[in-house]
Amino acid sequence: MTREELNRFCAELPQTTHVIQWGNADVYKVGGKVFAIIGMGETGDTATFKASEMAFEILSDSPGLRPAPYMASRGLKWIQHFEAPGLSDDSLSDHIRASYDMVIEGLTRKKRAELGL
């Protein structure tokens, strides 16, 4: 997926907010919590997302993917899609959606209710 396609996909998820941070990266949040970062890295065509424990273990060693710099070094389970072959477009969007869902699950009931989630 191109950066524009990734941005469009993330922006279409319910109650998503978007900010530019960290050197022109597109940062997507739900309930004030980050679920995806688009464009952070050497090429600007990266996608970084939160992963489950199992997904993190599997994806960490896959070609074109790596534990997200900075985040993984702090013990967080985030993956960065940084070059080909990486994930297919469908798989990448599935993982970003899973990241979004994990962030929602981590919100308080009150916050989810405020957001209508």
Protein backbone atom coordinates (compact mmCIF):
# COMPACT_ATOMS: atom_id res chain seq x y z
CA MET A 1 0.00 0.00 0.00
CA THR A 2 1.16 3.51 -0.66
CA ARG A 3 1.42 6.07 2.10
CA GLU A 4 -1.71 7.76 0.79
CA GLU A 5 -3.65 4.47 0.80
CA LEU A 6 -2.48 3.70 4.35
CA ASN A 7 -3.50 7.18 5.50
CA ARG A 8 -6.91 6.81 3.89
CA PHE A 9 -7.43 3.37 5.48
CA CYS A 10 -6.48 4.58 8.98
CA ALA A 11 -8.55 7.75 8.70
CA GLU A 12 -11.67 5.75 7.83
CA LEU A 13 -11.65 3.77 11.08
CA PRO A 14 -14.29 5.04 13.55
CA GLN A 15 -13.33 7.79 16.02
CA THR A 16 -9.78 8.05 14.66
CA THR A 17 -7.75 11.19 15.14
CA HIS A 18 -4.69 12.16 13.11
CA VAL A 19 -1.66 14.25 14.01
CA ILE A 20 1.72 14.87 12.41
CA GLN A 21 4.56 14.01 14.80
CA TRP A 22 8.09 12.71 14.94
CA GLY A 23 9.52 14.22 11.79
CA ASN A 24 6.50 14.28 9.49
CA ALA A 25 5.00 10.92 10.47
CA ASP A 26 1.24 10.48 10.23
CA VAL A 27 0.14 9.26 13.66
CA TYR A 28 -3.30 7.73 14.08
CA LYS A 29 -4.98 7.47 17.46
CA VAL A 30 -8.24 6.30 18.95
CA GLY A 31 -9.21 7.53 22.39
CA GLY A 32 -5.91 9.42 22.52
CA LYS A 33 -3.85 6.22 22.13
CA VAL A 34 -1.66 5.47 19.11
CA PHE A 35 -2.57 2.49 16.93
CA ALA A 36 -0.60 3.24 13.72
CA ILE A 37 2.28 5.39 12.54
CA ILE A 38 2.67 5.94 8.82
CA GLY A 39 5.84 7.34 7.30
CA MET A 40 8.33 7.05 10.13
CA GLY A 41 11.73 5.80 9.04
CA GLU A 42 14.38 6.26 6.41
CA THR A 43 12.11 5.96 3.39
CA GLY A 44 8.95 7.55 4.75
CA ASP A 45 6.98 4.60 3.36
CA THR A 46 6.82 2.65 6.59
CA ALA A 47 3.82 1.43 8.54
CA THR A 48 4.20 0.78 12.26
CA PHE A 49 1.49 -0.94 14.30
CA LYS A 50 0.84 -2.62 17.62
CA ALA A 51 0.90 -6.43 17.51
CA SER A 52 -0.31 -9.24 19.70
CA GLU A 53 2.33 -11.31 21.45
CA MET A 54 2.00 -14.11 18.87
CA ALA A 55 1.95 -11.78 15.86
CA PHE A 56 5.01 -9.97 17.19
CA GLU A 57 6.97 -13.22 17.47
CA ILE A 58 5.98 -14.37 13.97
CA LEU A 59 6.37 -11.04 12.17
CA SER A 60 9.64 -9.98 13.83
CA ASP A 61 11.66 -12.33 11.63
CA SER A 62 9.75 -11.85 8.39
CA PRO A 63 11.45 -10.19 5.40
CA GLY A 64 10.59 -6.49 5.20
CA LEU A 65 9.35 -6.39 8.80
CA ARG A 66 11.13 -5.70 12.08
CA PRO A 67 10.41 -4.84 15.68
CA ALA A 68 9.67 -1.12 15.57
CA PRO A 69 12.77 0.91 16.43
CA TYR A 70 12.45 2.74 19.75
CA MET A 71 9.17 1.07 20.70
CA ALA A 72 10.41 -2.52 20.72
CA SER A 73 13.55 -1.47 22.59
CA ARG A 74 11.21 -0.34 25.39
CA GLY A 75 9.50 -3.73 25.54
CA LEU A 76 6.47 -2.71 23.48
CA LYS A 77 5.16 -5.16 20.89
CA TRP A 78 5.14 -3.00 17.77
CA ILE A 79 6.11 -4.06 14.24
CA GLN A 80 7.40 -1.84 11.45
CA HIS A 81 6.73 -2.73 7.81
CA PHE A 82 9.70 -1.00 6.19
CA GLU A 83 10.50 -2.64 2.84
CA ALA A 84 9.44 -5.29 0.33
CA PRO A 85 8.36 -8.00 0.48
CA GLY A 86 6.75 -7.29 3.86
CA LEU A 87 3.03 -7.92 4.13
CA SER A 88 0.46 -8.01 1.37
CA ASP A 89 -1.89 -5.02 1.29
CA ASP A 90 -4.72 -7.09 2.75
CA SER A 91 -2.55 -8.51 5.52
CA LEU A 92 -1.13 -5.08 6.38
CA SER A 93 -4.61 -3.57 6.65
CA ASP A 94 -5.71 -6.56 8.79
CA HIS A 95 -2.80 -5.99 11.20
CA ILE A 96 -3.50 -2.26 11.42
CA ARG A 97 -7.16 -3.02 12.13
CA ALA A 98 -6.09 -5.51 14.83
CA SER A 99 -3.88 -2.79 16.34
CA TYR A 100 -6.84 -0.42 16.35
CA ASP A 101 -9.00 -3.09 18.04
CA MET A 102 -6.32 -3.79 20.69
CA VAL A 103 -6.12 -0.10 21.53
CA ILE A 104 -9.91 0.12 21.87
CA GLU A 105 -9.90 -2.92 24.15
CA GLY A 106 -7.37 -1.15 26.36
CA LEU A 107 -9.55 1.93 26.80
CA THR A 108 -11.74 2.29 29.86
CA ARG A 109 -15.43 1.46 29.54
CA LYS A 110 -16.17 5.11 30.14
CA LYS A 111 -13.88 6.22 27.32
CA ARG A 112 -15.32 3.62 24.92
CA ALA A 113 -18.83 4.81 25.80
CA GLU A 114 -17.83 8.46 25.21
CA LEU A 115 -16.54 7.47 21.77
CA GLY A 116 -19.55 5.30 20.97
CA LEU A 117 -17.34 2.24 20.71
